[in-house]
Protein backbone atom coordinates (compact mmCIF):
# COMPACT_ATOMS: atom_id res chain seq x y z
CA MET A 1 178.49 -0.80 87.74
CA ARG A 2 174.62 -1.62 86.87
CA LYS A 3 172.55 -1.46 89.79
CA ARG A 4 168.83 -3.27 89.59
CA ILE A 5 166.78 -1.92 91.49
CA ALA A 6 163.09 -3.47 92.32
CA VAL A 7 160.13 -0.53 93.26
CA LEU A 8 157.59 -2.88 95.29
CA ASP A 9 154.34 -2.45 95.71
CA ASP A 10 153.22 -0.43 92.77
CA TYR A 11 149.73 -1.42 93.13
CA GLN A 12 148.56 1.02 90.83
CA GLY A 13 151.32 0.97 88.00
CA LEU A 14 151.68 4.83 88.23
CA ALA A 15 155.57 4.37 89.64
CA LEU A 16 156.93 4.84 86.21
CA LYS A 17 155.04 7.61 85.07
CA LEU A 18 154.85 9.70 88.27
CA ALA A 19 158.75 10.80 88.36
CA ASP A 20 161.66 10.57 86.03
CA TRP A 21 163.37 7.60 86.69
CA GLY A 22 165.51 8.09 83.65
CA VAL A 23 167.81 10.21 85.45
CA LEU A 24 169.55 7.76 86.87
CA GLY A 25 171.26 6.78 83.55
CA GLU A 26 172.65 3.66 82.23
CA HIS A 27 173.93 2.60 85.78
CA ALA A 28 170.62 1.72 86.57
CA GLU A 29 167.88 -0.52 85.95
CA VAL A 30 164.47 0.09 87.24
CA GLN A 31 161.57 -3.01 87.35
CA VAL A 32 158.31 -2.19 88.95
CA PHE A 33 156.44 -4.75 91.07
CA THR A 34 152.14 -4.42 91.00
CA ASP A 35 151.70 -7.24 93.16
CA THR A 36 152.90 -8.49 96.70
CA PRO A 37 153.84 -12.12 96.74
CA ALA A 38 151.53 -14.72 98.59
CA THR A 39 154.73 -16.07 100.74
CA ASN A 40 158.09 -15.27 101.72
CA ALA A 41 159.52 -18.12 99.49
CA ALA A 42 157.98 -16.00 96.84
CA LEU A 43 159.25 -12.58 97.99
CA ILE A 44 162.89 -14.14 98.05
CA GLU A 45 162.91 -15.25 94.80
CA ARG A 46 161.90 -12.28 93.13
CA LEU A 47 164.18 -9.63 95.17
CA GLN A 48 167.42 -11.90 95.18
CA PRO A 49 168.77 -10.15 92.08
CA PHE A 50 168.21 -6.56 93.00
CA GLU A 51 170.66 -4.78 95.04
CA VAL A 52 168.22 -1.67 95.71
CA ILE A 53 165.01 -2.06 97.47
CA VAL A 54 162.17 0.61 97.16
CA ALA A 55 159.59 0.26 99.70
CA MET A 56 156.78 1.38 100.02
CA ARG A 57 155.93 2.80 103.03
CA GLU A 58 155.46 -0.10 105.09
CA ARG A 59 153.83 -2.29 102.69
CA THR A 60 156.73 -5.36 102.81
CA ARG A 61 158.38 -6.55 106.01
CA PHE A 62 161.91 -6.65 106.10
CA GLY A 63 162.77 -8.86 108.94
CA ARG A 64 166.63 -10.28 109.41
CA ALA A 65 165.19 -14.03 107.77
CA LEU A 66 164.00 -11.92 104.72
CA LEU A 67 167.69 -9.63 104.74
CA GLU A 68 169.95 -12.52 105.22
CA ALA A 69 168.61 -14.15 101.81
CA LEU A 70 169.13 -11.25 100.11
CA PRO A 71 173.34 -11.40 99.26
CA ARG A 72 173.06 -8.52 96.72
CA LEU A 73 170.88 -6.17 98.70
CA GLU A 74 172.96 -2.68 99.47
CA LEU A 75 170.11 -0.30 99.55
CA ILE A 76 166.89 0.14 101.16
CA ALA A 77 165.21 3.18 99.68
CA SER A 78 161.96 3.18 101.70
CA THR A 79 159.39 6.27 100.87
CA GLY A 80 158.28 8.06 103.97
CA LEU A 81 161.15 8.92 106.84
CA ARG A 82 159.76 6.30 109.25
CA ASN A 83 159.58 2.46 108.22
CA ALA A 84 158.63 0.48 111.71
CA THR A 85 158.78 -2.91 109.09
CA ILE A 86 162.40 -2.90 108.14
CA ASP A 87 164.95 -4.63 110.92
CA GLN A 88 167.28 -1.78 111.10
CA ALA A 89 169.87 -3.95 113.23
CA ALA A 90 169.78 -6.46 111.16
CA CYS A 91 170.46 -4.37 107.69
CA ALA A 92 173.36 -2.14 109.95
CA GLU A 93 175.17 -5.70 110.49
CA ARG A 94 174.93 -6.68 106.65
CA GLY A 95 175.89 -2.98 105.93
CA ILE A 96 172.17 -1.90 104.29
CA VAL A 97 172.59 1.37 103.52
CA LEU A 98 168.70 3.06 104.81
CA CYS A 99 167.22 6.52 103.65
CA GLY A 100 163.61 8.15 103.59
CA ALA A 101 161.76 10.33 101.18
CA ARG A 102 159.37 13.02 101.94
CA GLY A 103 155.81 12.88 101.04
CA ALA A 104 153.84 15.96 99.82
CA ARG A 105 152.42 18.70 102.22
CA SER A 106 149.60 17.91 101.39
CA GLY A 107 150.22 14.03 102.57
CA LEU A 108 149.12 14.33 106.47
CA GLY A 109 146.15 16.25 105.12
CA GLY A 110 145.12 13.37 103.14
CA THR A 111 145.30 10.86 106.10
CA ALA A 112 142.66 13.81 108.03
CA GLU A 113 140.55 13.79 105.34
CA THR A 114 140.32 9.76 105.32
CA ALA A 115 139.80 9.63 108.81
CA TRP A 116 136.96 11.69 108.22
CA THR A 117 135.56 9.92 105.31
CA HIS A 118 135.13 6.94 107.11
CA VAL A 119 133.82 8.94 110.47
CA LEU A 120 130.90 10.19 108.66
CA ALA A 121 130.29 7.21 106.75
CA LEU A 122 129.46 5.31 109.50
CA ARG A 123 127.94 8.08 111.43
CA LYS A 124 125.38 8.81 108.53
CA HIS A 125 125.26 5.13 107.33
CA LEU A 126 126.41 5.75 103.98
CA LEU A 127 126.88 2.18 102.50
CA ALA A 128 123.48 1.07 104.20
CA SER A 129 121.67 3.78 102.48
CA HIS A 130 123.64 3.49 99.36
CA ALA A 131 122.55 -0.58 98.88
CA ALA A 132 119.20 0.13 99.96
CA LEU A 133 118.63 2.70 97.31
CA GLN A 134 120.24 0.19 95.03
CA ALA A 135 117.74 -2.96 96.51
CA GLY A 136 114.91 0.00 96.02
CA HIS A 137 114.06 0.90 100.15
CA TRP A 138 114.71 4.31 101.53
CA GLN A 139 115.86 5.15 104.69
CA PRO A 140 116.63 1.91 106.33
CA GLN A 141 118.58 3.54 109.51
CA LEU A 142 118.60 7.26 110.57
CA ALA A 143 121.37 9.27 110.34
CA GLN A 144 123.91 10.48 113.70
CA PRO A 145 124.43 13.69 113.89
CA LEU A 146 128.26 14.94 115.14
CA MET A 147 127.35 18.79 116.58
CA GLY A 148 127.47 17.99 120.53
CA LYS A 149 129.15 15.07 120.22
CA THR A 150 132.89 14.15 121.28
CA LEU A 151 136.12 13.82 119.65
CA GLY A 152 138.57 11.16 121.53
CA LEU A 153 142.13 11.59 119.93
CA VAL A 154 144.50 9.21 120.12
CA GLY A 155 147.79 11.23 119.69
CA LEU A 156 147.79 15.14 118.83
CA GLY A 157 150.46 15.54 116.46
CA ASN A 158 149.96 16.98 113.03
CA ILE A 159 147.28 14.95 111.88
CA GLY A 160 145.97 14.45 115.27
CA GLN A 161 145.47 18.42 115.46
CA GLN A 162 144.03 18.58 111.75
CA MET A 163 141.57 16.14 112.89
CA ALA A 164 140.72 18.56 116.55
CA ARG A 165 139.96 21.54 114.13
CA ILE A 166 137.65 19.89 112.04
CA GLY A 167 136.03 18.30 114.72
CA GLN A 168 135.65 21.67 116.42
CA ALA A 169 134.21 23.44 113.14
CA PHE A 170 131.44 20.24 113.28
CA GLY A 171 130.83 21.28 116.90
CA MET A 172 132.15 18.26 118.63
CA ASP A 173 133.97 18.32 121.80
CA VAL A 174 137.35 17.37 121.51
CA ILE A 175 140.13 15.85 123.73
CA ALA A 176 143.08 13.73 123.61
CA TRP A 177 145.12 11.38 125.22
CA SER A 178 148.98 9.92 124.66
CA PRO A 179 151.73 8.75 126.72
CA ASN A 180 153.60 11.89 126.26
CA LEU A 181 150.67 14.59 125.72
CA THR A 182 150.81 17.16 128.17
CA PRO A 183 147.93 20.12 128.55
CA ASP A 184 149.82 22.25 127.92
CA ARG A 185 150.17 20.85 124.30
CA ALA A 186 146.54 19.99 124.05
CA GLN A 187 145.76 23.50 125.47
CA ALA A 188 147.55 25.52 122.58
CA ALA A 189 145.85 23.05 120.37
CA GLY A 190 142.55 23.91 121.46
CA VAL A 191 142.15 20.41 122.53
CA ARG A 192 141.45 19.16 126.38
CA CYS A 193 144.00 16.81 127.75
CA VAL A 194 142.20 14.02 129.65
CA SER A 195 143.58 10.62 130.79
CA LYS A 196 143.23 7.88 128.69
CA HIS A 197 140.20 6.11 131.15
CA ALA A 198 138.62 9.22 130.44
CA LEU A 199 138.98 9.19 126.64
CA LEU A 200 137.87 5.90 126.31
CA GLU A 201 134.50 6.50 128.33
CA GLY A 202 133.87 9.93 126.64
CA ALA A 203 134.45 9.65 123.47
CA ASP A 204 132.01 9.05 120.69
CA VAL A 205 134.30 8.74 117.83
CA LEU A 206 137.50 7.81 118.87
CA SER A 207 140.70 8.58 116.13
CA LEU A 208 143.96 7.07 116.60
CA HIS A 209 147.36 9.03 114.84
CA LEU A 210 149.78 7.64 117.30
CA VAL A 211 153.03 6.74 116.06
CA LEU A 212 153.75 2.70 115.57
CA ALA A 213 156.95 1.83 118.12
CA PRO A 214 157.18 -0.92 120.81
CA ALA A 215 155.51 1.22 123.86
CA THR A 216 152.06 1.64 121.23
CA VAL A 217 152.08 -1.82 120.36
CA ASN A 218 148.33 -2.67 121.31
CA VAL A 219 147.90 0.55 123.30
CA LEU A 220 144.24 -0.27 122.67
CA ASP A 221 143.55 -3.91 123.63
CA ALA A 222 140.34 -5.75 125.37
CA ALA A 223 140.39 -3.97 128.16
CA ASP A 224 140.42 -1.05 127.06
CA LEU A 225 137.39 -1.43 124.02
CA ALA A 226 135.27 -2.92 127.47
CA LEU A 227 135.66 1.02 128.61
CA MET A 228 134.33 2.56 125.14
CA LYS A 229 130.54 3.30 124.86
CA PRO A 230 128.47 0.69 122.43
CA SER A 231 127.44 3.54 120.61
CA ALA A 232 130.60 4.61 119.96
CA ILE A 233 132.77 4.07 116.59
CA LEU A 234 136.20 3.62 116.61
CA VAL A 235 138.59 5.26 113.02
CA ASN A 236 142.16 3.92 111.99
CA THR A 237 144.34 5.58 109.80
CA SER A 238 147.51 5.75 111.22
CA ARG A 239 148.57 1.82 112.01
CA ALA A 240 146.76 -1.44 112.98
CA GLU A 241 149.10 -2.68 115.09
CA LEU A 242 148.16 -0.25 117.43
CA VAL A 243 144.70 -2.07 118.47
CA ASN A 244 144.62 -5.66 119.07
CA GLU A 245 143.10 -7.41 116.39
CA GLN A 246 140.91 -10.23 117.93
CA ALA A 247 139.97 -7.92 120.74
CA LEU A 248 138.42 -5.59 117.94
CA LEU A 249 136.82 -8.40 116.13
CA GLN A 250 135.04 -9.52 118.83
CA ALA A 251 133.92 -6.28 120.34
CA LEU A 252 132.69 -5.43 116.96
CA GLN A 253 131.23 -9.04 116.21
CA SER A 254 129.10 -9.18 119.46
CA GLY A 255 128.55 -5.59 119.03
CA ARG A 256 130.07 -4.38 121.96
CA LEU A 257 131.08 -1.78 119.53
CA ALA A 258 129.12 0.06 117.51
CA GLY A 259 131.53 0.02 114.20
CA ALA A 260 134.91 0.80 112.93
CA GLY A 261 136.47 2.63 109.72
CA LEU A 262 139.90 1.02 108.62
CA ASP A 263 142.28 2.51 106.58
CA VAL A 264 145.05 -0.26 108.11
CA PHE A 265 145.44 -4.09 108.49
CA TRP A 266 147.48 -6.35 110.83
CA GLN A 267 147.96 -8.07 106.98
CA GLU A 268 147.95 -6.05 103.28
CA PRO A 269 146.93 -6.17 101.30
CA LEU A 270 143.95 -7.65 103.40
CA PRO A 271 142.94 -11.39 102.63
CA VAL A 272 139.56 -11.82 101.27
CA THR A 273 139.02 -14.62 103.67
CA HIS A 274 139.65 -11.81 106.52
CA PRO A 275 136.95 -11.79 109.43
CA LEU A 276 136.59 -7.88 108.95
CA LEU A 277 135.21 -8.35 105.86
CA ALA A 278 131.86 -11.14 106.40
CA LEU A 279 130.77 -7.91 109.26
CA ASP A 280 128.27 -5.02 108.11
CA ASN A 281 129.53 -2.47 111.20
CA VAL A 282 132.99 -1.50 109.47
CA VAL A 283 133.37 0.67 106.47
CA LEU A 284 137.34 -0.48 105.02
CA THR A 285 139.57 1.60 102.47
CA PRO A 286 143.23 -0.35 100.82
CA HIS A 287 145.37 2.32 103.27
CA LEU A 288 144.37 4.74 100.94
CA GLY A 289 144.86 7.90 104.10
CA TYR A 290 149.03 8.79 102.15
CA ALA A 291 147.94 6.98 98.54
CA THR A 292 147.15 10.32 96.75
CA GLU A 293 148.89 10.95 93.18
CA ASP A 294 150.35 14.14 95.10
CA ASN A 295 151.90 12.83 97.61
CA MET A 296 153.25 9.60 95.64
CA ALA A 297 154.78 11.41 92.99
CA ALA A 298 156.79 13.51 95.96
CA PHE A 299 157.94 10.21 97.12
CA TYR A 300 159.05 8.86 94.01
CA ARG A 301 161.27 12.11 93.04
CA ASN A 302 162.87 11.69 96.73
CA VAL A 303 163.36 8.42 96.41
CA ILE A 304 165.24 9.05 93.13
CA ALA A 305 167.23 11.71 94.73
CA ASN A 306 168.41 9.53 97.38
CA ILE A 307 169.52 6.70 95.43
CA GLN A 308 171.57 8.95 92.91
CA ALA A 309 172.90 10.70 96.08
CA TRP A 310 173.67 7.49 97.22
CA MET A 311 175.35 6.09 93.25
CA ALA A 312 177.27 9.34 93.91
CA GLY A 313 178.87 8.34 96.85
CA GLN A 314 177.19 10.46 99.11
CA THR A 315 175.02 10.49 102.22
CA PRO A 316 170.86 10.13 101.09
CA THR A 317 168.24 11.36 103.41
CA PRO A 318 168.50 9.12 106.65
CA LEU A 319 165.57 6.68 107.85
CA ALA A 320 164.73 7.40 111.68
CA ALA A 321 165.24 4.72 113.74
CA SER A 322 163.03 2.45 114.82
């Protein structure tokens, strides 16, 4: 029986070009969507005809109510090996198979590169300088150095360790904290393990690199942000929910925090009415950390392999438990 496959949130319209969906054969019908419906009702109407949904990372939330409104759904093939926006218990109850797809080896590097792009743009005032030149003004603000400053990392996994190496190359002192970080692990990465309090007080640049889990939601709240230097910047290329949204907005609006570089948001795509877009002390990018051509091509190739395995009665690559 032919399976209808919905490929979601392909904003660049590249999904069919980056991988060969034809290998799924005549038993599959693939439809690509390049936008995200504005309401849950519209999303349900769009997805009801499909047996298979290809989810692009965590762009679309699959909560219990949505899953219960999709009686034909048999498989969710997510890009990435984790997807915290899928209600896995509800899927298990309904017999919906979940699988995850690896990206390219360069994928993690892309996130670290994006984080450093934000750091440099904020410390060197790139956006303000560009706008000033367009308006005929010269040197509107002085640039801030990184050498001799302190890089604070919330999380020291693969991406955190890449951040540390680059920070050290800039001549920065690198400190780190996470709920499970040990001094031995930090020392192995050439980083000092400190308390959360010391991290927040000491960092000139604070960069977040934690996995989103119930224990890490709002790991930075208003009290935490109040500990930071007024001259400090916060960069988040991990998950928006690690930081309390209202607390961060208030810190930026009041000038309590010098700036923020954000590649992830509490609602994606970011609404044009969001108050972040009215601020001049932020650098915002539309979740580009992992969105490189190499990474997306690998995602789609591995999604297709998972769908092939599932259609053949085999077990696809499982999605990590959330």
